[in-house]
Every structure is written in structure tokens, then in C-alpha cells.
C-alpha atoms as a PDB file:
ATOM      1  CA  PHE A   1       0.000   0.000   0.000  1.00  0.00           C
ATOM      2  CA  LYS A   2       3.000   2.295  -0.407  1.00  0.00           C
ATOM      3  CA  GLY A   3       2.026   5.752  -1.590  1.00  0.00           C
ATOM      4  CA  SER A   4      -1.468   5.725  -0.071  1.00  0.00           C
ATOM      5  CA  SER A   5      -2.940   6.385   3.362  1.00  0.00           C
ATOM      6  CA  LEU A   6      -3.288   2.610   3.856  1.00  0.00           C
ATOM      7  CA  GLY A   7       0.499   2.314   3.762  1.00  0.00           C
ATOM      8  CA  ARG A   8       1.151   4.692   6.638  1.00  0.00           C
ATOM      9  CA  ASP A   9       2.264   3.407  10.032  1.00  0.00           C
ATOM     10  CA  ILE A  10      -0.653   3.936  12.431  1.00  0.00           C
ATOM     11  CA  THR A  11       1.678   4.810  15.300  1.00  0.00           C
ATOM     12  CA  GLY A  12       3.517   7.397  13.194  1.00  0.00           C
ATOM     13  CA  THR A  13       7.192   8.259  13.532  1.00  0.00           C
ATOM     14  CA  LYS A  14       9.209   9.728  16.397  1.00  0.00           C
ATOM     15  CA  GLY A  15       9.030  13.077  14.663  1.00  0.00           C
ATOM     16  CA  THR A  16       5.284  13.115  14.088  1.00  0.00           C
ATOM     17  CA  VAL A  17       4.469  11.852  17.586  1.00  0.00           C
ATOM     18  CA  ARG A  18       6.721  14.435  19.242  1.00  0.00           C
ATOM     19  CA  GLY A  19       5.310  17.164  17.048  1.00  0.00           C
ATOM     20  CA  ILE A  20       1.629  16.623  17.913  1.00  0.00           C
ATOM     21  CA  LYS A  21       0.001  19.635  19.628  1.00  0.00           C
ATOM     22  CA  ARG A  22      -3.315  20.047  21.410  1.00  0.00           C
ATOM     23  CA  ASN A  23      -4.738  21.838  18.378  1.00  0.00           C
ATOM     24  CA  ASP A  24      -4.000  18.779  16.206  1.00  0.00           C
ATOM     25  CA  PHE A  25      -6.313  16.659  18.381  1.00  0.00           C
ATOM     26  CA  ALA A  26      -9.020  19.316  18.259  1.00  0.00           C
ATOM     27  CA  LYS A  27      -8.812  19.568  14.446  1.00  0.00           C
ATOM     28  CA  TYR A  28      -8.918  15.781  14.060  1.00  0.00           C
ATOM     29  CA  ARG A  29     -11.923  15.512  16.380  1.00  0.00           C
ATOM     30  CA  GLY A  30     -13.742  18.220  14.477  1.00  0.00           C
ATOM     31  CA  LYS A  31     -12.967  16.584  11.133  1.00  0.00           C
ATOM     32  CA  HIS A  32     -14.097  13.047  11.963  1.00  0.00           C
ATOM     33  CA  TYR A  33     -16.273  12.955  15.089  1.00  0.00           C
ATOM     34  CA  PHE A  34     -19.703  14.176  14.013  1.00  0.00           C
ATOM     35  CA  ALA A  35     -23.226  12.753  13.816  1.00  0.00           C
ATOM     36  CA  LYS A  36     -23.059  11.395  10.242  1.00  0.00           C
ATOM     37  CA  ASN A  37     -19.830   9.581  11.091  1.00  0.00           C
ATOM     38  CA  ILE A  38     -20.981   8.036  14.375  1.00  0.00           C
ATOM     39  CA  LEU A  39     -22.740   4.720  14.924  1.00  0.00           C
ATOM     40  CA  ILE A  40     -23.714   3.589  18.403  1.00  0.00           C
ATOM     41  CA  THR A  41     -24.192  -0.125  19.002  1.00  0.00           C
ATOM     42  CA  VAL A  42     -25.469  -1.654  22.229  1.00  0.00           C
ATOM     43  CA  ALA A  43     -25.362  -5.370  23.088  1.00  0.00           C
ATOM     44  CA  GLY A  44     -26.286  -7.351  26.190  1.00  0.00           C
ATOM     45  CA  GLY A  45     -29.142  -7.264  28.670  1.00  0.00           C
ATOM     46  CA  ILE A  46     -30.387  -3.839  27.648  1.00  0.00           C
ATOM     47  CA  ASP A  47     -33.716  -2.014  27.350  1.00  0.00           C
ATOM     48  CA  SER A  48     -33.943  -0.483  23.857  1.00  0.00           C
ATOM     49  CA  LYS A  49     -36.071   2.453  25.005  1.00  0.00           C
ATOM     50  CA  ASN A  50     -33.564   3.333  27.714  1.00  0.00           C
ATOM     51  CA  ALA A  51     -30.663   2.971  25.280  1.00  0.00           C
ATOM     52  CA  LEU A  52     -32.309   5.418  22.844  1.00  0.00           C
ATOM     53  CA  GLU A  53     -33.008   7.896  25.643  1.00  0.00           C
ATOM     54  CA  LEU A  54     -29.384   7.824  26.771  1.00  0.00           C
ATOM     55  CA  THR A  55     -28.165   8.183  23.178  1.00  0.00           C
ATOM     56  CA  ASN A  56     -30.337  11.252  22.612  1.00  0.00           C
ATOM     57  CA  LYS A  57     -29.286  12.726  25.954  1.00  0.00           C
ATOM     58  CA  TYR A  58     -25.567  12.535  25.311  1.00  0.00           C
ATOM     59  CA  PHE A  59     -25.285  12.766  21.522  1.00  0.00           C
ATOM     60  CA  SER A  60     -28.127  15.008  20.307  1.00  0.00           C
ATOM     61  CA  SER A  61     -25.873  18.072  20.507  1.00  0.00           C
ATOM     62  CA  VAL A  62     -23.212  16.601  18.185  1.00  0.00           C
ATOM     63  CA  SER A  63     -22.973  18.569  14.934  1.00  0.00           C
ATOM     64  CA  SER A  64     -24.018  16.862  11.687  1.00  0.00           C
ATOM     65  CA  GLY A  65     -20.718  17.426   9.840  1.00  0.00           C
ATOM     66  CA  LYS A  66     -19.648  16.323   6.378  1.00  0.00           C
ATOM     67  CA  LYS A  67     -17.894  13.096   5.444  1.00  0.00           C
ATOM     68  CA  SER A  68     -14.406  13.259   3.965  1.00  0.00           C
ATOM     69  CA  LYS A  69     -13.538  11.647   0.636  1.00  0.00           C
ATOM     70  CA  ILE A  70     -11.623   8.378   0.735  1.00  0.00           C
ATOM     71  CA  GLU A  71      -8.186   8.330  -0.871  1.00  0.00           C
ATOM     72  CA  ILE A  72      -8.405   5.518  -3.441  1.00  0.00           C
ATOM     73  CA  PHE A  73      -5.486   3.080  -3.538  1.00  0.00           C
ATOM     74  CA  GLN A  74      -3.886   2.578  -6.946  1.00  0.00           C
ATOM     75  CA  LYS A  75      -3.256  -1.116  -7.585  1.00  0.00           C
ATOM     76  CA  GLN A  76       0.285  -2.373  -8.121  1.00  0.00           C
ATOM     77  CA  LYS A  77       1.541  -3.699 -11.452  1.00  0.00           C
ATOM     78  CA  LYS A  78       4.266  -6.171 -10.429  1.00  0.00           C
ATOM     79  CA  PRO A  79       5.449  -8.285  -7.438  1.00  0.00           C
ATOM     80  CA  GLN A  80       7.071  -6.393  -4.555  1.00  0.00           C
ATOM     81  CA  VAL A  81       9.484  -7.338  -1.744  1.00  0.00           C
ATOM     82  CA  LEU A  82      10.071  -5.477   1.521  1.00  0.00           C
ATOM     83  CA  LEU A  83      13.055  -6.683   3.570  1.00  0.00           C
ATOM     84  CA  HIS A  84      13.610  -5.440   7.118  1.00  0.00           C
ATOM     85  CA  SER A  85      17.068  -6.619   8.125  1.00  0.00           C
ATOM     86  CA  LYS A  86      17.206  -7.453  11.817  1.00  0.00           C
ATOM     87  CA  LYS A  87      19.265  -9.890  13.837  1.00  0.00           C
ATOM     88  CA  LYS A  88      16.836 -12.548  15.060  1.00  0.00           C
ATOM     89  CA  GLU A  89      16.903 -16.246  15.881  1.00  0.00           C
ATOM     90  CA  GLN A  90      13.786 -16.779  13.778  1.00  0.00           C
ATOM     91  CA  ALA A  91      12.702 -15.206  10.504  1.00  0.00           C
ATOM     92  CA  HIS A  92       9.169 -13.963   9.886  1.00  0.00           C
ATOM     93  CA  PHE A  93       7.527 -13.476   6.522  1.00  0.00           C
ATOM     94  CA  ILE A  94       4.147 -12.595   5.102  1.00  0.00           C
ATOM     95  CA  LEU A  95       3.299 -13.596   1.565  1.00  0.00           C
ATOM     96  CA  GLY A  96       0.466 -11.296   0.620  1.00  0.00           C
ATOM     97  CA  PHE A  97      -1.761 -10.785  -2.412  1.00  0.00           C
ATOM     98  CA  LEU A  98      -3.865  -7.730  -3.111  1.00  0.00           C
ATOM     99  CA  GLY A  99      -7.483  -8.743  -2.671  1.00  0.00           C
ATOM    100  CA  ASN A 100     -10.996  -7.386  -2.813  1.00  0.00           C
ATOM    101  CA  LYS A 101     -12.735  -4.428  -1.197  1.00  0.00           C
ATOM    102  CA  ARG A 102     -15.157  -4.728   1.704  1.00  0.00           C
ATOM    103  CA  ASP A 103     -18.430  -4.870  -0.221  1.00  0.00           C
ATOM    104  CA  ASN A 104     -17.319  -7.542  -2.692  1.00  0.00           C
ATOM    105  CA  LYS A 105     -19.720 -10.427  -3.285  1.00  0.00           C
ATOM    106  CA  ASP A 106     -17.009 -13.060  -2.759  1.00  0.00           C
ATOM    107  CA  ARG A 107     -16.057 -12.279   0.847  1.00  0.00           C
ATOM    108  CA  PHE A 108     -17.586 -15.461   2.258  1.00  0.00           C
ATOM    109  CA  ILE A 109     -15.812 -17.512  -0.403  1.00  0.00           C
ATOM    110  CA  GLU A 110     -12.562 -15.845   0.697  1.00  0.00           C
ATOM    111  CA  ALA A 111     -13.255 -16.924   4.269  1.00  0.00           C
ATOM    112  CA  VAL A 112     -13.515 -20.580   3.227  1.00  0.00           C
ATOM    113  CA  LEU A 113     -10.404 -20.249   1.028  1.00  0.00           C
ATOM    114  CA  ALA A 114      -8.417 -18.825   3.972  1.00  0.00           C
ATOM    115  CA  SER A 115      -9.639 -21.660   6.165  1.00  0.00           C
ATOM    116  CA  ILE A 116      -8.559 -24.328   3.651  1.00  0.00           C
ATOM    117  CA  LEU A 117      -5.098 -22.812   3.270  1.00  0.00           C
ATOM    118  CA  GLY A 118      -4.283 -21.706   6.805  1.00  0.00           C
ATOM    119  CA  GLY A 119      -7.143 -22.041   9.247  1.00  0.00           C
ATOM    120  CA  GLY A 120      -6.198 -24.476  11.979  1.00  0.00           C
ATOM    121  CA  MET A 121      -4.282 -27.721  12.292  1.00  0.00           C
ATOM    122  CA  SER A 122      -5.997 -29.465   9.380  1.00  0.00           C
ATOM    123  CA  SER A 123      -5.206 -26.659   6.920  1.00  0.00           C
ATOM    124  CA  ARG A 124      -2.847 -27.096   3.968  1.00  0.00           C
ATOM    125  CA  LEU A 125      -0.175 -24.676   5.151  1.00  0.00           C
ATOM    126  CA  PHE A 126      -0.117 -26.216   8.624  1.00  0.00           C
ATOM    127  CA  SER A 127       0.279 -29.679   7.099  1.00  0.00           C
ATOM    128  CA  GLU A 128       2.806 -28.808   4.383  1.00  0.00           C
ATOM    129  CA  VAL A 129       4.909 -26.132   6.095  1.00  0.00           C
ATOM    130  CA  ARG A 130       4.891 -27.318   9.694  1.00  0.00           C
ATOM    131  CA  GLU A 131       3.949 -30.983   9.937  1.00  0.00           C
ATOM    132  CA  ARG A 132       5.598 -32.500   6.850  1.00  0.00           C
ATOM    133  CA  ARG A 133       8.684 -30.294   6.597  1.00  0.00           C
ATOM    134  CA  GLY A 134       9.114 -28.795  10.062  1.00  0.00           C
ATOM    135  CA  LEU A 135       9.768 -25.351   8.562  1.00  0.00           C
ATOM    136  CA  ALA A 136       7.704 -23.315  11.009  1.00  0.00           C
ATOM    137  CA  TYR A 137       5.951 -23.420  14.343  1.00  0.00           C
ATOM    138  CA  ALA A 138       3.416 -20.694  13.599  1.00  0.00           C
ATOM    139  CA  VAL A 139       1.774 -20.610  10.169  1.00  0.00           C
ATOM    140  CA  ARG A 140      -1.617 -19.247   9.135  1.00  0.00           C
ATOM    141  CA  ALA A 141      -3.622 -17.504   6.407  1.00  0.00           C
ATOM    142  CA  SER A 142      -5.795 -14.427   6.794  1.00  0.00           C
ATOM    143  CA  PHE A 143      -7.593 -11.761   4.787  1.00  0.00           C
ATOM    144  CA  ASP A 144      -8.997  -8.302   5.334  1.00  0.00           C
ATOM    145  CA  HIS A 145     -11.065  -5.750   3.452  1.00  0.00           C
ATOM    146  CA  TYR A 146     -10.987  -1.973   3.217  1.00  0.00           C
ATOM    147  CA  VAL A 147     -13.295   0.499   1.466  1.00  0.00           C
ATOM    148  CA  ASP A 148     -11.522   0.253  -1.892  1.00  0.00           C
ATOM    149  CA  THR A 149      -9.174  -2.746  -1.710  1.00  0.00           C
ATOM    150  CA  GLY A 150      -8.068  -5.635   0.511  1.00  0.00           C
ATOM    151  CA  TYR A 151      -5.514  -8.406   0.918  1.00  0.00           C
ATOM    152  CA  PHE A 152      -5.066 -12.143   1.345  1.00  0.00           C
ATOM    153  CA  ALA A 153      -1.955 -13.184   3.269  1.00  0.00           C
ATOM    154  CA  ALA A 154      -0.031 -16.188   4.566  1.00  0.00           C
ATOM    155  CA  TYR A 155       2.273 -15.761   7.572  1.00  0.00           C
ATOM    156  CA  ALA A 156       4.996 -18.036   8.953  1.00  0.00           C
ATOM    157  CA  GLY A 157       7.736 -17.809  11.580  1.00  0.00           C
ATOM    158  CA  VAL A 158      10.562 -19.998  10.268  1.00  0.00           C
ATOM    159  CA  ASP A 159      14.123 -21.248  10.779  1.00  0.00           C
ATOM    160  CA  ILE A 160      16.419 -18.543   9.341  1.00  0.00           C
ATOM    161  CA  LYS A 161      18.347 -21.142   7.337  1.00  0.00           C
ATOM    162  CA  ARG A 162      15.250 -22.588   5.659  1.00  0.00           C
ATOM    163  CA  ILE A 163      13.293 -19.470   4.760  1.00  0.00           C
ATOM    164  CA  ASP A 164      13.699 -20.017   0.996  1.00  0.00           C
ATOM    165  CA  GLU A 165      12.046 -23.419   1.195  1.00  0.00           C
ATOM    166  CA  ALA A 166       9.253 -22.078   3.421  1.00  0.00           C
ATOM    167  CA  ILE A 167       8.471 -19.247   0.990  1.00  0.00           C
ATOM    168  CA  LYS A 168       8.503 -21.601  -2.005  1.00  0.00           C
ATOM    169  CA  VAL A 169       6.194 -24.129  -0.328  1.00  0.00           C
ATOM    170  CA  THR A 170       3.767 -21.424   0.824  1.00  0.00           C
ATOM    171  CA  LEU A 171       3.625 -19.863  -2.630  1.00  0.00           C
ATOM    172  CA  GLU A 172       3.276 -23.286  -4.246  1.00  0.00           C
ATOM    173  CA  GLN A 173       0.283 -24.107  -2.051  1.00  0.00           C
ATOM    174  CA  CYS A 174      -1.471 -20.867  -3.025  1.00  0.00           C
ATOM    175  CA  ILE A 175      -0.784 -21.131  -6.759  1.00  0.00           C
ATOM    176  CA  GLY A 176      -1.270 -24.918  -6.803  1.00  0.00           C
ATOM    177  CA  LEU A 177      -4.752 -24.602  -5.324  1.00  0.00           C
ATOM    178  CA  ALA A 178      -5.695 -21.957  -7.902  1.00  0.00           C
ATOM    179  CA  ASP A 179      -4.431 -23.841 -10.962  1.00  0.00           C
ATOM    180  CA  GLY A 180      -5.893 -27.174  -9.905  1.00  0.00           C
ATOM    181  CA  ARG A 181      -2.650 -29.048  -9.170  1.00  0.00           C
ATOM    182  CA  PHE A 182      -3.859 -29.593  -5.614  1.00  0.00           C
ATOM    183  CA  PRO A 183      -7.596 -30.349  -5.924  1.00  0.00           C
ATOM    184  CA  ILE A 184      -9.991 -29.450  -3.106  1.00  0.00           C
ATOM    185  CA  LYS A 185     -11.637 -32.516  -1.573  1.00  0.00           C
ATOM    186  CA  LYS A 186     -15.214 -32.719  -0.265  1.00  0.00           C
ATOM    187  CA  ASP A 187     -14.219 -33.408   3.323  1.00  0.00           C
ATOM    188  CA  GLU A 188     -11.683 -30.568   3.156  1.00  0.00           C
ATOM    189  CA  ILE A 189     -14.228 -27.932   2.151  1.00  0.00           C
ATOM    190  CA  LYS A 190     -16.659 -29.272   4.743  1.00  0.00           C
ATOM    191  CA  LYS A 191     -14.076 -28.915   7.537  1.00  0.00           C
ATOM    192  CA  ALA A 192     -13.178 -25.431   6.326  1.00  0.00           C
ATOM    193  CA  LYS A 193     -16.795 -24.291   6.435  1.00  0.00           C
ATOM    194  CA  GLU A 194     -17.334 -25.651   9.931  1.00  0.00           C
ATOM    195  CA  TYR A 195     -14.115 -23.970  11.068  1.00  0.00           C
ATOM    196  CA  VAL A 196     -15.312 -20.555   9.825  1.00  0.00           C
ATOM    197  CA  LYS A 197     -18.793 -20.939  11.290  1.00  0.00           C
ATOM    198  CA  GLY A 198     -17.465 -22.260  14.581  1.00  0.00           C
ATOM    199  CA  HIS A 199     -15.079 -19.352  15.047  1.00  0.00           C
ATOM    200  CA  LEU A 200     -17.847 -16.847  14.356  1.00  0.00           C
ATOM    201  CA  ALA A 201     -20.181 -18.558  16.823  1.00  0.00           C
ATOM    202  CA  LEU A 202     -17.517 -18.585  19.555  1.00  0.00           C
ATOM    203  CA  SER A 203     -16.610 -14.934  18.975  1.00  0.00           C
ATOM    204  CA  LEU A 204     -20.225 -13.842  19.359  1.00  0.00           C
ATOM    205  CA  GLU A 205     -20.231 -15.080  22.958  1.00  0.00           C
ATOM    206  CA  ASP A 206     -18.418 -11.798  23.714  1.00  0.00           C
ATOM    207  CA  THR A 207     -20.710  -8.726  23.725  1.00  0.00           C
ATOM    208  CA  GLU A 208     -17.922  -6.535  22.333  1.00  0.00           C
ATOM    209  CA  ASP A 209     -17.693  -8.808  19.282  1.00  0.00           C
ATOM    210  CA  VAL A 210     -21.483  -8.724  18.906  1.00  0.00           C
ATOM    211  CA  ASN A 211     -21.267  -4.924  18.708  1.00  0.00           C
ATOM    212  CA  LYS A 212     -18.427  -5.170  16.205  1.00  0.00           C
ATOM    213  CA  PHE A 213     -20.192  -7.758  14.032  1.00  0.00           C
ATOM    214  CA  PHE A 214     -23.368  -5.728  13.575  1.00  0.00           C
ATOM    215  CA  GLY A 215     -21.693  -2.328  13.810  1.00  0.00           C
ATOM    216  CA  GLU A 216     -19.170  -2.853  11.000  1.00  0.00           C
ATOM    217  CA  GLU A 217     -21.866  -4.029   8.595  1.00  0.00           C
ATOM    218  CA  GLU A 218     -24.080  -1.018   9.301  1.00  0.00           C
ATOM    219  CA  LEU A 219     -21.302   1.575   9.468  1.00  0.00           C
ATOM    220  CA  LEU A 220     -19.283   0.473   6.439  1.00  0.00           C
ATOM    221  CA  LEU A 221     -21.836  -1.304   4.226  1.00  0.00           C
ATOM    222  CA  GLU A 222     -25.011   0.419   5.440  1.00  0.00           C
ATOM    223  CA  LYS A 223     -26.860  -2.836   5.926  1.00  0.00           C
ATOM    224  CA  VAL A 224     -27.291  -5.390   8.674  1.00  0.00           C
ATOM    225  CA  ILE A 225     -26.854  -9.128   8.277  1.00  0.00           C
ATOM    226  CA  THR A 226     -27.286 -11.740  10.985  1.00  0.00           C
ATOM    227  CA  PRO A 227     -24.951 -14.597  11.951  1.00  0.00           C
ATOM    228  CA  GLU A 228     -27.519 -16.921  10.390  1.00  0.00           C
ATOM    229  CA  ASP A 229     -27.123 -15.061   7.075  1.00  0.00           C
ATOM    230  CA  VAL A 230     -23.369 -15.657   7.269  1.00  0.00           C
ATOM    231  CA  TYR A 231     -23.778 -19.362   8.046  1.00  0.00           C
ATOM    232  CA  LYS A 232     -26.083 -19.771   5.028  1.00  0.00           C
ATOM    233  CA  ALA A 233     -23.651 -17.908   2.755  1.00  0.00           C
ATOM    234  CA  ILE A 234     -20.755 -20.085   3.942  1.00  0.00           C
ATOM    235  CA  ASP A 235     -22.763 -23.283   3.337  1.00  0.00           C
ATOM    236  CA  LYS A 236     -23.469 -22.186  -0.258  1.00  0.00           C
ATOM    237  CA  VAL A 237     -19.763 -21.935  -1.165  1.00  0.00           C
ATOM    238  CA  THR A 238     -18.708 -24.511  -3.776  1.00  0.00           C
ATOM    239  CA  VAL A 239     -15.365 -25.772  -5.055  1.00  0.00           C
ATOM    240  CA  PRO A 240     -15.777 -23.887  -8.380  1.00  0.00           C
ATOM    241  CA  ASP A 241     -16.438 -20.704  -6.337  1.00  0.00           C
ATOM    242  CA  ILE A 242     -13.170 -21.150  -4.438  1.00  0.00           C
ATOM    243  CA  LEU A 243     -11.160 -21.854  -7.598  1.00  0.00           C
ATOM    244  CA  ARG A 244     -12.597 -18.786  -9.327  1.00  0.00           C
ATOM    245  CA  VAL A 245     -11.663 -16.509  -6.407  1.00  0.00           C
ATOM    246  CA  ALA A 246      -8.250 -18.150  -5.930  1.00  0.00           C
ATOM    247  CA  LYS A 247      -7.339 -17.622  -9.599  1.00  0.00           C
ATOM    248  CA  LYS A 248      -8.306 -13.976  -9.330  1.00  0.00           C
ATOM    249  CA  ILE A 249      -6.388 -13.278  -6.099  1.00  0.00           C
ATOM    250  CA  PHE A 250      -3.295 -15.470  -6.575  1.00  0.00           C
ATOM    251  CA  SER A 251      -1.963 -13.547  -9.549  1.00  0.00           C
ATOM    252  CA  PRO A 252       1.783 -12.728  -9.773  1.00  0.00           C
ATOM    253  CA  LYS A 253       1.119  -9.007 -10.252  1.00  0.00           C
ATOM    254  CA  ASN A 254      -0.776  -8.962  -6.909  1.00  0.00           C
ATOM    255  CA  LEU A 255       2.066 -10.620  -4.997  1.00  0.00           C
ATOM    256  CA  ASN A 256       3.962  -9.039  -2.096  1.00  0.00           C
ATOM    257  CA  LEU A 257       6.567 -10.469   0.256  1.00  0.00           C
ATOM    258  CA  ALA A 258       7.548  -8.849   3.556  1.00  0.00           C
ATOM    259  CA  ILE A 259      10.410 -10.313   5.613  1.00  0.00           C
ATOM    260  CA  ILE A 260      11.966  -9.622   8.998  1.00  0.00           C
ATOM    261  CA  GLY A 261      15.233 -11.463   9.561  1.00  0.00           C
ATOM    262  CA  PRO A 262      19.058 -11.395   9.454  1.00  0.00           C
ATOM    263  CA  TYR A 263      19.246 -10.935   5.692  1.00  0.00           C
ATOM    264  CA  LYS A 264      20.801  -8.263   3.465  1.00  0.00           C
ATOM    265  CA  ASN A 265      20.126  -9.388  -0.121  1.00  0.00           C
ATOM    266  CA  GLN A 266      16.647  -8.241  -1.184  1.00  0.00           C
ATOM    267  CA  ALA A 267      17.283  -9.219  -4.803  1.00  0.00           C
ATOM    268  CA  HIS A 268      17.606 -12.852  -3.697  1.00  0.00           C
ATOM    269  CA  PHE A 269      14.063 -12.864  -2.314  1.00  0.00           C
ATOM    270  CA  GLU A 270      12.751 -11.037  -5.351  1.00  0.00           C
ATOM    271  CA  SER A 271      14.105 -13.911  -7.457  1.00  0.00           C
ATOM    272  CA  LEU A 272      11.967 -16.384  -5.464  1.00  0.00           C
ATOM    273  CA  LEU A 273       8.806 -14.654  -6.691  1.00  0.00           C
ATOM    274  CA  SER A 274       9.668 -14.778 -10.387  1.00  0.00           C
END
């Protein structure tokens, strides 16, 4: 995301943090914290009438404001490598592909794809990278969406001497799934679906996550879906759906590799992606 607001470090730099003044906070609050930008969610043993009364009492005086325009991210055109050289006993890498924006119709398919590749101990990356080759202790796949773009990523913490092999195997699993070399089996997709649904069900036992689940949908997509809607959408995912999405995401031009470890030669890692 270099060159866009998505690529900025949230914590800032020493210079920007030290340079912040009281007026900067006031300007930021005035720019973003107004009625049209605020959503209040309430979960738990609550009385809806009381919740509305309290909301009106404390927020009715907030000005309406005007939403700011989103800075649109310009997609990359070729693979990229970011190497952060640091003396460590273990190397860490993320193999990431540019993905889809938040309101894309394939987001539930992406969830099943992430589960098949790196969701738990029966996933492909866990089996191939950790169990069969002993290349990593921690390995997983994840994805996220933003207003205008998103990403799909695989992470592993590996032996510094075997990072090349770990990267190659991880990339091979992604590309091999997309091109059909490693077919998706019926029991595999079934396990992946249950994994996704189970994690959602467990997370919703926490009231904070209930607020987040409903709040994000309403705030960012301006609609509300229920957990049951998600379960039904996950159950509808088919193998052809997953292959279609995988082929779209796992494209060389969308590929990024970020590494933290005791290495100096970035060109070497760039060669692994060609």
C-alpha cells in the first residue's frame, strides 16, 4: 500500500508523535467525530427504550458534519518485496496478495479459502509447512477488506536457514490450489466451512464482538446481516467458487513479500517470486 494512506504506520514516527500539539487533536476531532460519522451499538441485557433515551441525551448536541472523501489506492503492477534486516533467531515473513474491497460479493468464499489454506491444524499450510517439513511453528492464512481494496496473506515464523524453502512451499500451495494441481476434496471444504462458522459462533459469545459484528456491517456497508445469514452464505460456497476466487487473487502481479530477519540481499528474495 506504499504511496497511499493505507500504507502509513498507524503509530507514526518519532518526529510526528513528538510534534503533535493540542490543536491537532481538536482539528482531528472536528474533522471526523460528528453525527453522520458516528454509529452507536449496544449489546447485552439492555432495554432499547432506555438505550435510545441515553443516546439522545448525550449525543443530540453533536454537529451533523460532512464526510471526507476516501483516498483511493492505486493497484500495483508487479510483485514487490520489503526486507527489514534485523538480527533474530527466527525469521518472519508474510506472503500477501492484493485482494478485494469490503463490499465484494465473494467475501464469504474468501473466508472458506483462507480456512482451507491456513485455518487451523488441518489446513494445507499447517500440514505442508509445519507438519511435513518442520519449517515453522506458527503458520496461518488471513484476509482483510478496506473500502476500496483488501488483501489475502499467509504468515509463517521460520528457521532462518530454511526461509527459501518455506516461501517456495507457501507460494506453491497458493498457486497450486488456484491452478488445480492440488484439488480441493469434499471433506476438506466441509471442515473449512465448519471452522469458519465455529469461530464466528464462539466470537459472538463476547458482547464486544457482537457490537463489532453488527456495527461494521451497518457503518461500512449500510446494511445489517445476521450470523444466520453468514452461516447460510458459507454453506453455499462450492469448489468452483473457491477456484474462481483463488485464480483472481493469486496472480503474480498482486504478490507481495515482507520479511523480517538477518538478511541483506533483497534481490535474492525477489528472485523467489519470479
